[in-house]
Amino acid sequence: MINIDTITIIQFKSQFPQGIGGYPYFPMWSNTQPYEANDVVFFGNTFYQAILQNTDQAPPNATYWITDKANQYSYISDADITTAFLLASGLFPADIFTCDSDVLILYAYCLLVAHMISYYIKPQQFQYIGQRPASIGVANTQHAGNVGFGQLIPESVTSSILYSTLNRTLEGQQYMMLVDLRARFKMLYSFGGIPN
């Protein structure tokens, strides 16, 4: 089974690529990256915007770059991800995933890390507008075009401080569903129970 302490920032970024799910990673300039006009990069503690297509033309080369007023707090840095790893590592119940593949464990852990970023580290960037926990339970639905997804969030979740926090981001909700299914399977397997 994969050791979550060995999961890297690169592995996290591969689970949540740039621009998907609202993950604007810090745009560090690279000499091998081709840049188009209007691309923004960070180099030498300053943001620059490309004015011409270029590769291997380091800022502040005025032929290709102008300074940009981008705000570093609008981006997710590697330090943000490292902090989220630390927050998530103490909460990840690895024992629930003992029967799962390393790929699924990596995905589950990265969901928890993404929740930490969205809810604790960069909450101003990720505002989830959806149902909030209630005292009895919440019927939560989300739609994308003609596709809908619905779930009932039980009272045991809404009354728990940890679970109600997880319920406040899409990543946290997906993580809860993975953990809940595996916890139920483990309970049935361990005690020989039969679901009603």
N, C-alpha and C. Protein backbone atom coordinates (compact mmCIF):
# COMPACT_ATOMS: atom_id res chain seq x y z
N MET A 1 0.84 -1.19 0.00
CA MET A 1 0.00 0.00 0.00
C MET A 1 0.88 1.24 0.00
N ILE A 2 0.47 2.24 -0.78
CA ILE A 2 1.25 3.47 -0.91
C ILE A 2 1.35 4.20 0.44
N ASN A 3 2.51 4.75 0.71
CA ASN A 3 2.73 5.56 1.91
C ASN A 3 2.39 7.01 1.56
N ILE A 4 1.39 7.58 2.22
CA ILE A 4 0.96 8.93 1.86
C ILE A 4 2.06 9.97 2.09
N ASP A 5 3.02 9.66 2.97
CA ASP A 5 4.12 10.60 3.22
C ASP A 5 5.06 10.72 2.02
N THR A 6 4.95 9.79 1.07
CA THR A 6 5.82 9.84 -0.11
C THR A 6 5.14 10.49 -1.32
N ILE A 7 3.87 10.88 -1.17
CA ILE A 7 3.16 11.52 -2.28
C ILE A 7 3.75 12.92 -2.50
N THR A 8 3.99 13.25 -3.76
CA THR A 8 4.68 14.49 -4.10
C THR A 8 3.73 15.55 -4.64
N ILE A 9 4.24 16.76 -4.70
CA ILE A 9 3.50 17.88 -5.27
C ILE A 9 3.18 17.60 -6.74
N ILE A 10 4.12 16.99 -7.45
CA ILE A 10 3.90 16.66 -8.87
C ILE A 10 2.75 15.67 -9.01
N GLN A 11 2.67 14.67 -8.12
CA GLN A 11 1.55 13.73 -8.16
C GLN A 11 0.23 14.43 -7.87
N PHE A 12 0.23 15.35 -6.92
CA PHE A 12 -0.99 16.11 -6.64
C PHE A 12 -1.42 16.89 -7.87
N LYS A 13 -0.49 17.59 -8.50
CA LYS A 13 -0.81 18.40 -9.67
C LYS A 13 -1.30 17.54 -10.83
N SER A 14 -0.85 16.29 -10.91
CA SER A 14 -1.33 15.42 -11.98
C SER A 14 -2.78 15.00 -11.73
N GLN A 15 -3.20 14.94 -10.45
CA GLN A 15 -4.59 14.63 -10.13
C GLN A 15 -5.51 15.83 -10.36
N PHE A 16 -4.97 17.03 -10.16
CA PHE A 16 -5.73 18.28 -10.34
C PHE A 16 -4.94 19.20 -11.25
N PRO A 17 -5.03 18.96 -12.58
CA PRO A 17 -4.23 19.75 -13.52
C PRO A 17 -4.58 21.23 -13.52
N GLN A 18 -3.66 22.02 -14.02
CA GLN A 18 -3.84 23.46 -14.15
C GLN A 18 -5.13 23.77 -14.88
N GLY A 19 -5.92 24.66 -14.31
CA GLY A 19 -7.11 25.12 -14.99
C GLY A 19 -8.33 24.23 -14.83
N ILE A 20 -8.17 23.02 -14.31
CA ILE A 20 -9.31 22.13 -14.12
C ILE A 20 -9.68 22.17 -12.65
N GLY A 21 -10.93 22.45 -12.36
CA GLY A 21 -11.35 22.55 -10.98
C GLY A 21 -10.89 23.83 -10.32
N GLY A 22 -10.44 24.79 -11.12
CA GLY A 22 -10.03 26.07 -10.57
C GLY A 22 -8.70 26.04 -9.85
N TYR A 23 -7.74 25.30 -10.37
CA TYR A 23 -6.43 25.23 -9.72
C TYR A 23 -5.41 26.05 -10.48
N PRO A 24 -5.27 27.33 -10.13
CA PRO A 24 -4.28 28.19 -10.79
C PRO A 24 -2.93 28.08 -10.08
N TYR A 25 -2.07 27.19 -10.55
CA TYR A 25 -0.77 27.02 -9.91
C TYR A 25 0.13 28.20 -10.22
N PHE A 26 1.06 28.45 -9.33
CA PHE A 26 2.00 29.56 -9.47
C PHE A 26 2.71 29.42 -10.82
N PRO A 27 2.64 30.44 -11.68
CA PRO A 27 3.17 30.31 -13.05
C PRO A 27 4.67 30.61 -13.13
N MET A 28 5.48 29.71 -12.63
CA MET A 28 6.93 29.93 -12.64
C MET A 28 7.45 29.90 -14.09
N TRP A 29 8.31 30.86 -14.44
CA TRP A 29 8.88 30.90 -15.79
C TRP A 29 9.78 29.69 -16.01
N SER A 30 9.72 29.12 -17.20
CA SER A 30 10.57 27.97 -17.56
C SER A 30 11.19 28.23 -18.92
N ASN A 31 12.48 27.91 -19.04
CA ASN A 31 13.17 28.15 -20.32
C ASN A 31 12.74 27.17 -21.42
N THR A 32 12.03 26.09 -21.07
CA THR A 32 11.59 25.13 -22.07
C THR A 32 10.12 25.30 -22.46
N GLN A 33 9.40 26.14 -21.74
CA GLN A 33 7.97 26.34 -21.98
C GLN A 33 7.75 27.37 -23.08
N PRO A 34 7.01 27.02 -24.13
CA PRO A 34 6.66 28.05 -25.12
C PRO A 34 5.54 28.94 -24.56
N TYR A 35 5.69 30.25 -24.73
CA TYR A 35 4.71 31.20 -24.21
C TYR A 35 4.03 31.94 -25.36
N GLU A 36 2.75 32.16 -25.19
CA GLU A 36 1.95 32.94 -26.15
C GLU A 36 1.77 34.35 -25.58
N ALA A 37 1.40 35.28 -26.44
CA ALA A 37 1.11 36.64 -25.99
C ALA A 37 0.02 36.58 -24.91
N ASN A 38 0.17 37.36 -23.86
CA ASN A 38 -0.73 37.49 -22.70
C ASN A 38 -0.51 36.43 -21.62
N ASP A 39 0.36 35.44 -21.84
CA ASP A 39 0.68 34.48 -20.78
C ASP A 39 1.37 35.22 -19.64
N VAL A 40 1.05 34.83 -18.41
CA VAL A 40 1.64 35.47 -17.23
C VAL A 40 2.59 34.47 -16.57
N VAL A 41 3.79 34.96 -16.19
CA VAL A 41 4.77 34.13 -15.50
C VAL A 41 5.29 34.87 -14.28
N PHE A 42 5.90 34.11 -13.39
CA PHE A 42 6.53 34.68 -12.19
C PHE A 42 8.02 34.41 -12.30
N PHE A 43 8.83 35.47 -12.17
CA PHE A 43 10.28 35.33 -12.32
C PHE A 43 10.96 36.40 -11.48
N GLY A 44 11.88 36.00 -10.62
CA GLY A 44 12.61 36.98 -9.81
C GLY A 44 11.73 37.83 -8.92
N ASN A 45 10.71 37.23 -8.30
CA ASN A 45 9.77 37.92 -7.41
C ASN A 45 8.88 38.95 -8.11
N THR A 46 8.72 38.83 -9.42
CA THR A 46 7.87 39.75 -10.17
C THR A 46 7.05 38.95 -11.18
N PHE A 47 5.82 39.41 -11.43
CA PHE A 47 5.00 38.82 -12.48
C PHE A 47 5.27 39.55 -13.79
N TYR A 48 5.29 38.79 -14.88
CA TYR A 48 5.48 39.36 -16.21
C TYR A 48 4.41 38.81 -17.14
N GLN A 49 4.02 39.63 -18.12
CA GLN A 49 3.07 39.20 -19.13
C GLN A 49 3.78 39.21 -20.48
N ALA A 50 3.62 38.12 -21.24
CA ALA A 50 4.24 38.04 -22.56
C ALA A 50 3.54 38.99 -23.51
N ILE A 51 4.33 39.71 -24.30
CA ILE A 51 3.74 40.58 -25.34
C ILE A 51 3.97 39.98 -26.72
N LEU A 52 4.89 39.01 -26.82
CA LEU A 52 5.13 38.28 -28.07
C LEU A 52 5.33 36.81 -27.74
N GLN A 53 5.01 35.96 -28.70
CA GLN A 53 5.27 34.53 -28.54
C GLN A 53 6.78 34.33 -28.38
N ASN A 54 7.17 33.46 -27.43
CA ASN A 54 8.60 33.23 -27.22
C ASN A 54 8.85 31.94 -26.47
N THR A 55 10.09 31.47 -26.56
CA THR A 55 10.60 30.35 -25.78
C THR A 55 12.02 30.70 -25.38
N ASP A 56 12.38 30.43 -24.14
CA ASP A 56 13.73 30.67 -23.63
C ASP A 56 14.16 32.14 -23.69
N GLN A 57 13.19 33.05 -23.55
CA GLN A 57 13.48 34.49 -23.46
C GLN A 57 13.09 34.94 -22.06
N ALA A 58 14.08 34.96 -21.17
CA ALA A 58 13.80 35.24 -19.76
C ALA A 58 13.37 36.68 -19.53
N PRO A 59 12.35 36.86 -18.70
CA PRO A 59 12.02 38.22 -18.26
C PRO A 59 13.22 38.78 -17.49
N PRO A 60 13.42 40.05 -17.48
CA PRO A 60 12.57 41.15 -17.94
C PRO A 60 12.91 41.64 -19.35
N ASN A 61 13.25 40.76 -20.28
CA ASN A 61 13.54 41.13 -21.66
C ASN A 61 12.36 41.93 -22.23
N ALA A 62 12.54 43.24 -22.41
CA ALA A 62 11.45 44.14 -22.79
C ALA A 62 10.90 43.87 -24.19
N THR A 63 11.62 43.10 -24.98
CA THR A 63 11.10 42.75 -26.30
C THR A 63 9.93 41.77 -26.18
N TYR A 64 9.99 40.93 -25.15
CA TYR A 64 9.00 39.86 -25.00
C TYR A 64 8.08 40.00 -23.78
N TRP A 65 8.49 40.79 -22.78
CA TRP A 65 7.75 40.81 -21.51
C TRP A 65 7.52 42.22 -20.99
N ILE A 66 6.40 42.41 -20.34
CA ILE A 66 6.14 43.63 -19.57
C ILE A 66 5.76 43.18 -18.15
N THR A 67 5.99 44.05 -17.17
CA THR A 67 5.60 43.68 -15.80
C THR A 67 4.08 43.62 -15.71
N ASP A 68 3.60 42.75 -14.85
CA ASP A 68 2.17 42.51 -14.70
C ASP A 68 1.80 42.71 -13.24
N LYS A 69 0.57 43.14 -12.98
CA LYS A 69 0.13 43.42 -11.61
C LYS A 69 -0.60 42.25 -10.97
N ALA A 70 -0.32 41.04 -11.44
CA ALA A 70 -0.99 39.87 -10.86
C ALA A 70 -0.67 39.79 -9.36
N ASN A 71 -1.58 39.20 -8.63
CA ASN A 71 -1.44 39.07 -7.18
C ASN A 71 -1.04 37.64 -6.85
N GLN A 72 0.04 37.48 -6.11
CA GLN A 72 0.52 36.13 -5.80
C GLN A 72 -0.48 35.32 -4.99
N TYR A 73 -1.38 35.99 -4.28
CA TYR A 73 -2.37 35.27 -3.49
C TYR A 73 -3.49 34.68 -4.35
N SER A 74 -3.49 35.03 -5.63
CA SER A 74 -4.47 34.46 -6.56
C SER A 74 -4.02 33.09 -7.08
N TYR A 75 -2.83 32.68 -6.73
CA TYR A 75 -2.27 31.43 -7.22
C TYR A 75 -2.01 30.46 -6.08
N ILE A 76 -1.96 29.19 -6.42
CA ILE A 76 -1.60 28.16 -5.45
C ILE A 76 -0.12 27.86 -5.62
N SER A 77 0.64 28.05 -4.57
CA SER A 77 2.08 27.80 -4.64
C SER A 77 2.39 26.39 -4.14
N ASP A 78 3.60 25.95 -4.41
CA ASP A 78 4.04 24.65 -3.89
C ASP A 78 4.02 24.65 -2.36
N ALA A 79 4.28 25.81 -1.76
CA ALA A 79 4.23 25.91 -0.29
C ALA A 79 2.80 25.70 0.21
N ASP A 80 1.80 26.19 -0.53
CA ASP A 80 0.40 25.96 -0.15
C ASP A 80 0.08 24.46 -0.17
N ILE A 81 0.55 23.77 -1.20
CA ILE A 81 0.29 22.33 -1.32
C ILE A 81 1.00 21.57 -0.20
N THR A 82 2.23 21.97 0.11
CA THR A 82 2.98 21.33 1.20
C THR A 82 2.24 21.50 2.53
N THR A 83 1.72 22.69 2.78
CA THR A 83 0.95 22.94 4.00
C THR A 83 -0.30 22.07 4.04
N ALA A 84 -0.97 21.94 2.89
CA ALA A 84 -2.17 21.09 2.82
C ALA A 84 -1.82 19.63 3.05
N PHE A 85 -0.66 19.18 2.57
CA PHE A 85 -0.20 17.82 2.86
C PHE A 85 -0.09 17.60 4.36
N LEU A 86 0.49 18.57 5.06
CA LEU A 86 0.65 18.45 6.51
C LEU A 86 -0.71 18.39 7.21
N LEU A 87 -1.64 19.23 6.78
CA LEU A 87 -2.97 19.23 7.39
C LEU A 87 -3.70 17.92 7.13
N ALA A 88 -3.57 17.41 5.91
CA ALA A 88 -4.31 16.21 5.51
C ALA A 88 -3.72 14.93 6.11
N SER A 89 -2.42 14.90 6.30
CA SER A 89 -1.77 13.65 6.72
C SER A 89 -2.29 13.15 8.07
N GLY A 90 -2.64 14.05 8.96
CA GLY A 90 -3.15 13.62 10.27
C GLY A 90 -4.60 13.18 10.26
N LEU A 91 -5.31 13.47 9.17
CA LEU A 91 -6.73 13.13 9.09
C LEU A 91 -7.03 11.97 8.15
N PHE A 92 -6.04 11.54 7.38
CA PHE A 92 -6.31 10.51 6.36
C PHE A 92 -6.35 9.13 7.00
N PRO A 93 -7.50 8.44 6.93
CA PRO A 93 -7.62 7.11 7.55
C PRO A 93 -7.13 6.00 6.62
N ALA A 94 -5.82 5.83 6.53
CA ALA A 94 -5.23 4.87 5.59
C ALA A 94 -5.76 3.46 5.82
N ASP A 95 -6.11 3.12 7.06
CA ASP A 95 -6.58 1.76 7.36
C ASP A 95 -7.89 1.42 6.65
N ILE A 96 -8.66 2.43 6.26
CA ILE A 96 -9.92 2.17 5.56
C ILE A 96 -9.66 1.74 4.12
N PHE A 97 -8.52 2.13 3.56
CA PHE A 97 -8.23 1.87 2.15
C PHE A 97 -7.33 0.66 1.93
N THR A 98 -7.21 -0.23 2.91
CA THR A 98 -6.26 -1.34 2.80
C THR A 98 -6.55 -2.27 1.63
N CYS A 99 -7.78 -2.37 1.16
CA CYS A 99 -8.13 -3.27 0.06
C CYS A 99 -8.09 -2.57 -1.29
N ASP A 100 -7.72 -1.31 -1.32
CA ASP A 100 -7.76 -0.53 -2.56
C ASP A 100 -6.39 -0.41 -3.21
N SER A 101 -6.40 -0.03 -4.49
CA SER A 101 -5.16 0.13 -5.25
C SER A 101 -4.46 1.43 -4.84
N ASP A 102 -3.17 1.49 -5.13
CA ASP A 102 -2.41 2.71 -4.85
C ASP A 102 -2.98 3.90 -5.61
N VAL A 103 -3.50 3.65 -6.81
CA VAL A 103 -4.07 4.74 -7.62
C VAL A 103 -5.27 5.36 -6.90
N LEU A 104 -6.13 4.52 -6.34
CA LEU A 104 -7.32 5.04 -5.65
C LEU A 104 -6.93 5.72 -4.34
N ILE A 105 -5.96 5.17 -3.64
CA ILE A 105 -5.50 5.79 -2.39
C ILE A 105 -4.90 7.17 -2.68
N LEU A 106 -4.10 7.25 -3.75
CA LEU A 106 -3.52 8.53 -4.16
C LEU A 106 -4.63 9.53 -4.46
N TYR A 107 -5.65 9.09 -5.20
CA TYR A 107 -6.76 9.98 -5.55
C TYR A 107 -7.51 10.45 -4.30
N ALA A 108 -7.80 9.53 -3.39
CA ALA A 108 -8.52 9.88 -2.16
C ALA A 108 -7.71 10.88 -1.33
N TYR A 109 -6.43 10.62 -1.18
CA TYR A 109 -5.58 11.52 -0.40
C TYR A 109 -5.51 12.90 -1.06
N CYS A 110 -5.38 12.92 -2.39
CA CYS A 110 -5.32 14.20 -3.10
C CYS A 110 -6.63 14.96 -2.99
N LEU A 111 -7.77 14.25 -2.93
CA LEU A 111 -9.05 14.93 -2.69
C LEU A 111 -9.04 15.63 -1.34
N LEU A 112 -8.51 14.95 -0.32
CA LEU A 112 -8.45 15.55 1.01
C LEU A 112 -7.51 16.76 1.00
N VAL A 113 -6.37 16.65 0.32
CA VAL A 113 -5.43 17.77 0.21
C VAL A 113 -6.09 18.94 -0.52
N ALA A 114 -6.81 18.64 -1.61
CA ALA A 114 -7.51 19.69 -2.36
C ALA A 114 -8.55 20.38 -1.49
N HIS A 115 -9.24 19.61 -0.65
CA HIS A 115 -10.19 20.21 0.28
C HIS A 115 -9.48 21.17 1.22
N MET A 116 -8.33 20.77 1.74
CA MET A 116 -7.58 21.63 2.67
C MET A 116 -7.20 22.94 1.99
N ILE A 117 -6.80 22.86 0.72
CA ILE A 117 -6.45 24.08 -0.02
C ILE A 117 -7.69 24.95 -0.19
N SER A 118 -8.78 24.33 -0.64
CA SER A 118 -10.00 25.08 -0.94
C SER A 118 -10.65 25.69 0.29
N TYR A 119 -10.61 24.98 1.40
CA TYR A 119 -11.36 25.43 2.57
C TYR A 119 -10.51 26.22 3.57
N TYR A 120 -9.25 25.81 3.75
CA TYR A 120 -8.42 26.43 4.79
C TYR A 120 -7.36 27.39 4.25
N ILE A 121 -6.74 27.06 3.12
CA ILE A 121 -5.58 27.83 2.68
C ILE A 121 -5.95 28.95 1.71
N LYS A 122 -6.83 28.67 0.75
CA LYS A 122 -7.23 29.68 -0.23
C LYS A 122 -8.75 29.78 -0.32
N PRO A 123 -9.44 29.99 0.79
CA PRO A 123 -10.91 30.00 0.74
C PRO A 123 -11.48 31.13 -0.11
N GLN A 124 -10.74 32.23 -0.24
CA GLN A 124 -11.25 33.34 -1.03
C GLN A 124 -11.30 33.00 -2.52
N GLN A 125 -10.52 32.02 -2.96
CA GLN A 125 -10.50 31.63 -4.36
C GLN A 125 -11.57 30.60 -4.70
N PHE A 126 -11.91 29.76 -3.74
CA PHE A 126 -12.80 28.63 -4.02
C PHE A 126 -14.07 28.79 -3.19
N GLN A 127 -15.02 29.47 -3.73
CA GLN A 127 -16.28 29.65 -3.01
C GLN A 127 -17.30 28.69 -3.60
N TYR A 128 -17.61 27.66 -2.85
CA TYR A 128 -18.57 26.65 -3.29
C TYR A 128 -19.97 27.12 -2.91
N ILE A 129 -20.82 27.24 -3.90
CA ILE A 129 -22.20 27.66 -3.64
C ILE A 129 -23.07 26.42 -3.76
N GLY A 130 -23.50 25.91 -2.67
CA GLY A 130 -24.32 24.71 -2.66
C GLY A 130 -25.04 24.61 -1.34
N GLN A 131 -25.62 23.47 -1.07
CA GLN A 131 -26.33 23.26 0.18
C GLN A 131 -25.35 23.23 1.35
N ARG A 132 -25.69 23.88 2.41
CA ARG A 132 -24.90 23.84 3.64
C ARG A 132 -25.52 22.82 4.59
N PRO A 133 -24.76 22.28 5.52
CA PRO A 133 -25.30 21.28 6.44
C PRO A 133 -26.50 21.81 7.22
N ALA A 134 -27.46 20.94 7.47
CA ALA A 134 -28.64 21.27 8.28
C ALA A 134 -28.74 20.24 9.40
N SER A 135 -29.68 20.43 10.29
CA SER A 135 -29.73 19.56 11.48
C SER A 135 -30.26 18.17 11.19
N ILE A 136 -31.08 18.00 10.17
CA ILE A 136 -31.67 16.68 9.91
C ILE A 136 -30.92 15.96 8.81
N GLY A 137 -30.44 16.65 7.87
CA GLY A 137 -29.77 16.05 6.72
C GLY A 137 -30.03 16.94 5.53
N VAL A 138 -29.22 16.81 4.51
CA VAL A 138 -29.31 17.72 3.38
C VAL A 138 -29.40 16.92 2.09
N ALA A 139 -30.37 17.24 1.27
CA ALA A 139 -30.40 16.71 -0.09
C ALA A 139 -29.60 17.68 -0.93
N ASN A 140 -28.50 17.23 -1.47
CA ASN A 140 -27.57 18.10 -2.18
C ASN A 140 -27.54 17.71 -3.64
N THR A 141 -27.77 18.65 -4.54
CA THR A 141 -27.73 18.36 -5.96
C THR A 141 -26.81 19.34 -6.66
N GLN A 142 -26.15 18.86 -7.70
CA GLN A 142 -25.27 19.68 -8.52
C GLN A 142 -25.56 19.35 -9.97
N HIS A 143 -25.44 20.34 -10.85
CA HIS A 143 -25.74 20.13 -12.26
C HIS A 143 -24.63 20.71 -13.12
N ALA A 144 -24.36 20.02 -14.21
CA ALA A 144 -23.46 20.52 -15.24
C ALA A 144 -24.13 20.22 -16.57
N GLY A 145 -24.70 21.24 -17.19
CA GLY A 145 -25.46 21.02 -18.42
C GLY A 145 -26.68 20.17 -18.13
N ASN A 146 -26.84 19.07 -18.86
CA ASN A 146 -27.99 18.18 -18.68
C ASN A 146 -27.72 17.07 -17.67
N VAL A 147 -26.56 17.06 -17.08
CA VAL A 147 -26.19 16.00 -16.15
C VAL A 147 -26.38 16.49 -14.73
N GLY A 148 -27.06 15.69 -13.91
CA GLY A 148 -27.28 16.04 -12.51
C GLY A 148 -26.74 14.97 -11.59
N PHE A 149 -26.31 15.38 -10.42
CA PHE A 149 -25.80 14.46 -9.41
C PHE A 149 -26.44 14.84 -8.09
N GLY A 150 -27.04 13.86 -7.42
CA GLY A 150 -27.69 14.15 -6.15
C GLY A 150 -27.26 13.19 -5.07
N GLN A 151 -27.26 13.66 -3.85
CA GLN A 151 -26.91 12.81 -2.72
C GLN A 151 -27.62 13.34 -1.47
N LEU A 152 -27.88 12.43 -0.56
CA LEU A 152 -28.45 12.81 0.73
C LEU A 152 -27.33 12.74 1.75
N ILE A 153 -27.09 13.83 2.41
CA ILE A 153 -26.04 13.88 3.42
C ILE A 153 -26.71 13.65 4.77
N PRO A 154 -26.41 12.52 5.43
CA PRO A 154 -27.13 12.16 6.66
C PRO A 154 -26.78 13.05 7.85
N GLU A 155 -27.61 12.95 8.89
CA GLU A 155 -27.43 13.75 10.09
C GLU A 155 -26.08 13.49 10.76
N SER A 156 -25.59 12.23 10.67
CA SER A 156 -24.29 11.93 11.29
C SER A 156 -23.17 12.76 10.68
N VAL A 157 -23.35 13.15 9.42
CA VAL A 157 -22.36 14.00 8.76
C VAL A 157 -22.57 15.45 9.14
N THR A 158 -23.83 15.89 9.07
CA THR A 158 -24.09 17.30 9.32
C THR A 158 -23.85 17.70 10.77
N SER A 159 -23.91 16.73 11.70
CA SER A 159 -23.69 17.05 13.11
C SER A 159 -22.23 16.92 13.52
N SER A 160 -21.38 16.40 12.64
CA SER A 160 -19.96 16.27 12.94
C SER A 160 -19.22 17.50 12.44
N ILE A 161 -18.38 18.07 13.28
CA ILE A 161 -17.62 19.27 12.88
C ILE A 161 -16.72 18.95 11.69
N LEU A 162 -16.00 17.82 11.75
CA LEU A 162 -15.10 17.45 10.65
C LEU A 162 -15.88 17.21 9.37
N TYR A 163 -16.93 16.38 9.44
CA TYR A 163 -17.66 16.03 8.23
C TYR A 163 -18.43 17.22 7.66
N SER A 164 -18.97 18.07 8.52
CA SER A 164 -19.68 19.23 7.98
C SER A 164 -18.70 20.18 7.30
N THR A 165 -17.46 20.21 7.75
CA THR A 165 -16.43 21.00 7.08
C THR A 165 -16.12 20.40 5.72
N LEU A 166 -15.96 19.08 5.66
CA LEU A 166 -15.72 18.41 4.38
C LEU A 166 -16.86 18.64 3.40
N ASN A 167 -18.06 18.77 3.92
CA ASN A 167 -19.24 18.97 3.07
C ASN A 167 -19.24 20.34 2.39
N ARG A 168 -18.35 21.23 2.76
CA ARG A 168 -18.37 22.58 2.23
C ARG A 168 -17.54 22.76 0.95
N THR A 169 -16.88 21.70 0.47
CA THR A 169 -16.19 21.77 -0.83
C THR A 169 -16.56 20.52 -1.63
N LEU A 170 -16.51 20.65 -2.94
CA LEU A 170 -16.81 19.49 -3.80
C LEU A 170 -15.79 18.37 -3.57
N GLU A 171 -14.52 18.75 -3.40
CA GLU A 171 -13.48 17.74 -3.16
C GLU A 171 -13.74 17.02 -1.84
N GLY A 172 -14.14 17.77 -0.83
CA GLY A 172 -14.44 17.17 0.47
C GLY A 172 -15.62 16.21 0.39
N GLN A 173 -16.63 16.57 -0.39
CA GLN A 173 -17.79 15.69 -0.55
C GLN A 173 -17.39 14.40 -1.27
N GLN A 174 -16.58 14.51 -2.31
CA GLN A 174 -16.13 13.32 -3.03
C GLN A 174 -15.29 12.43 -2.11
N TYR A 175 -14.44 13.06 -1.31
CA TYR A 175 -13.61 12.32 -0.36
C TYR A 175 -14.49 11.59 0.65
N MET A 176 -15.51 12.27 1.19
CA MET A 176 -16.41 11.64 2.17
C MET A 176 -17.10 10.42 1.58
N MET A 177 -17.51 10.51 0.32
CA MET A 177 -18.19 9.38 -0.31
C MET A 177 -17.24 8.18 -0.41
N LEU A 178 -15.99 8.42 -0.78
CA LEU A 178 -15.01 7.32 -0.84
C LEU A 178 -14.78 6.70 0.53
N VAL A 179 -14.59 7.53 1.54
CA VAL A 179 -14.32 7.04 2.89
C VAL A 179 -15.54 6.30 3.44
N ASP A 180 -16.72 6.87 3.24
CA ASP A 180 -17.94 6.27 3.77
C ASP A 180 -18.17 4.88 3.18
N LEU A 181 -18.03 4.74 1.88
CA LEU A 181 -18.23 3.44 1.25
C LEU A 181 -17.24 2.40 1.78
N ARG A 182 -15.99 2.79 1.94
CA ARG A 182 -14.98 1.85 2.41
C ARG A 182 -15.15 1.53 3.90
N ALA A 183 -15.59 2.52 4.67
CA ALA A 183 -15.83 2.27 6.10
C ALA A 183 -16.98 1.29 6.27
N ARG A 184 -18.02 1.43 5.47
CA ARG A 184 -19.15 0.50 5.57
C ARG A 184 -18.74 -0.90 5.15
N PHE A 185 -17.96 -0.98 4.07
CA PHE A 185 -17.50 -2.29 3.60
C PHE A 185 -16.64 -2.96 4.67
N LYS A 186 -15.75 -2.20 5.28
CA LYS A 186 -14.88 -2.75 6.31
C LYS A 186 -15.69 -3.23 7.51
N MET A 187 -16.71 -2.46 7.90
CA MET A 187 -17.54 -2.85 9.03
C MET A 187 -18.29 -4.15 8.71
N LEU A 188 -18.85 -4.24 7.51
CA LEU A 188 -19.58 -5.45 7.13
C LEU A 188 -18.65 -6.65 7.07
N TYR A 189 -17.47 -6.43 6.51
CA TYR A 189 -16.51 -7.51 6.36
C TYR A 189 -15.99 -7.97 7.73
N SER A 190 -15.72 -7.01 8.60
CA SER A 190 -15.15 -7.35 9.92
C SER A 190 -16.14 -8.05 10.83
N PHE A 191 -17.41 -7.63 10.77
CA PHE A 191 -18.39 -8.18 11.71
C PHE A 191 -19.36 -9.16 11.06
N GLY A 192 -19.20 -9.42 9.77
CA GLY A 192 -20.07 -10.36 9.10
C GLY A 192 -21.49 -9.86 8.97
N GLY A 193 -21.67 -8.55 9.01
CA GLY A 193 -23.01 -8.00 8.93
C GLY A 193 -23.59 -8.08 7.54
N ILE A 194 -24.86 -7.95 7.46
CA ILE A 194 -25.57 -7.95 6.17
C ILE A 194 -26.35 -6.65 6.10
N PRO A 195 -26.14 -5.86 5.03
CA PRO A 195 -26.86 -4.58 4.96
C PRO A 195 -28.36 -4.80 4.80
N ASN A 196 -29.14 -3.90 5.37
CA ASN A 196 -30.60 -3.99 5.25
C ASN A 196 -31.04 -3.53 3.88
